[in-house]
Amino acid sequence: MYAGWGCLRDIGIHEPKSVRDLWQRIDLGMSGEHLEAYVPPHGAKLFRLRDA
């Protein structure tokens, strides 16, 4: 899965953001120009994006 910031800006999300994987309970650090994650077939991911 790939989400470019151009699409995210359309819904009010601006870079950079602090990213946390809510299901694995780990901080992933700061976002760059995009957010990218592997999602297995029939899987799901849940992230929290916060202002830096």
Protein backbone atom coordinates (compact mmCIF):
# COMPACT_ATOMS: atom_id res chain seq x y z
CA MET A 1 0.00 0.00 0.00
CA TYR A 2 1.27 3.46 -0.81
CA ALA A 3 -0.22 6.81 0.18
CA GLY A 4 1.41 9.88 -1.30
CA TRP A 5 1.14 13.19 0.58
CA GLY A 6 -0.59 14.79 -2.38
CA CYS A 7 -3.66 12.65 -1.68
CA LEU A 8 -3.37 13.08 2.08
CA ARG A 9 -3.19 16.87 1.75
CA ASP A 10 -6.61 16.75 0.12
CA ILE A 11 -8.05 15.50 3.43
CA GLY A 12 -6.10 17.93 5.60
CA ILE A 13 -3.03 15.84 6.50
CA HIS A 14 0.25 17.72 6.02
CA GLU A 15 3.83 16.53 6.41
CA PRO A 16 5.85 15.76 8.44
CA LYS A 17 3.99 13.54 10.87
CA SER A 18 4.92 11.20 13.68
CA VAL A 19 3.65 7.73 12.72
CA ARG A 20 2.58 4.98 15.13
CA ASP A 21 1.38 1.47 14.26
CA LEU A 22 -1.53 1.10 16.66
CA TRP A 23 -1.92 -2.68 16.39
CA GLN A 24 1.77 -3.48 16.88
CA ARG A 25 2.09 -0.67 19.46
CA ILE A 26 5.32 0.68 18.00
CA ASP A 27 6.41 4.14 16.91
CA LEU A 28 7.59 4.14 13.31
CA GLY A 29 9.25 7.54 13.49
CA MET A 30 8.71 10.52 11.25
CA SER A 31 7.00 10.31 7.91
CA GLY A 32 8.86 11.41 4.83
CA GLU A 33 7.28 12.31 1.54
CA HIS A 34 5.01 9.25 1.63
CA LEU A 35 3.67 6.50 3.85
CA GLU A 36 4.26 2.97 2.64
CA ALA A 37 3.35 -0.33 4.29
CA TYR A 38 2.95 -3.96 3.26
CA VAL A 39 -0.61 -5.17 3.76
CA PRO A 40 -1.09 -8.92 3.28
CA PRO A 41 -4.10 -10.21 1.31
CA HIS A 42 -7.28 -9.71 3.38
CA GLY A 43 -5.17 -7.80 5.93
CA ALA A 44 -5.41 -4.37 7.44
CA LYS A 45 -3.15 -1.75 9.05
CA LEU A 46 -4.01 1.03 11.47
CA PHE A 47 -1.74 4.05 11.91
CA ARG A 48 -1.96 7.21 13.97
CA LEU A 49 -0.45 10.33 12.39
CA ARG A 50 0.40 13.21 14.72
CA ASP A 51 1.99 16.58 14.23
CA ALA A 52 5.75 16.46 14.74
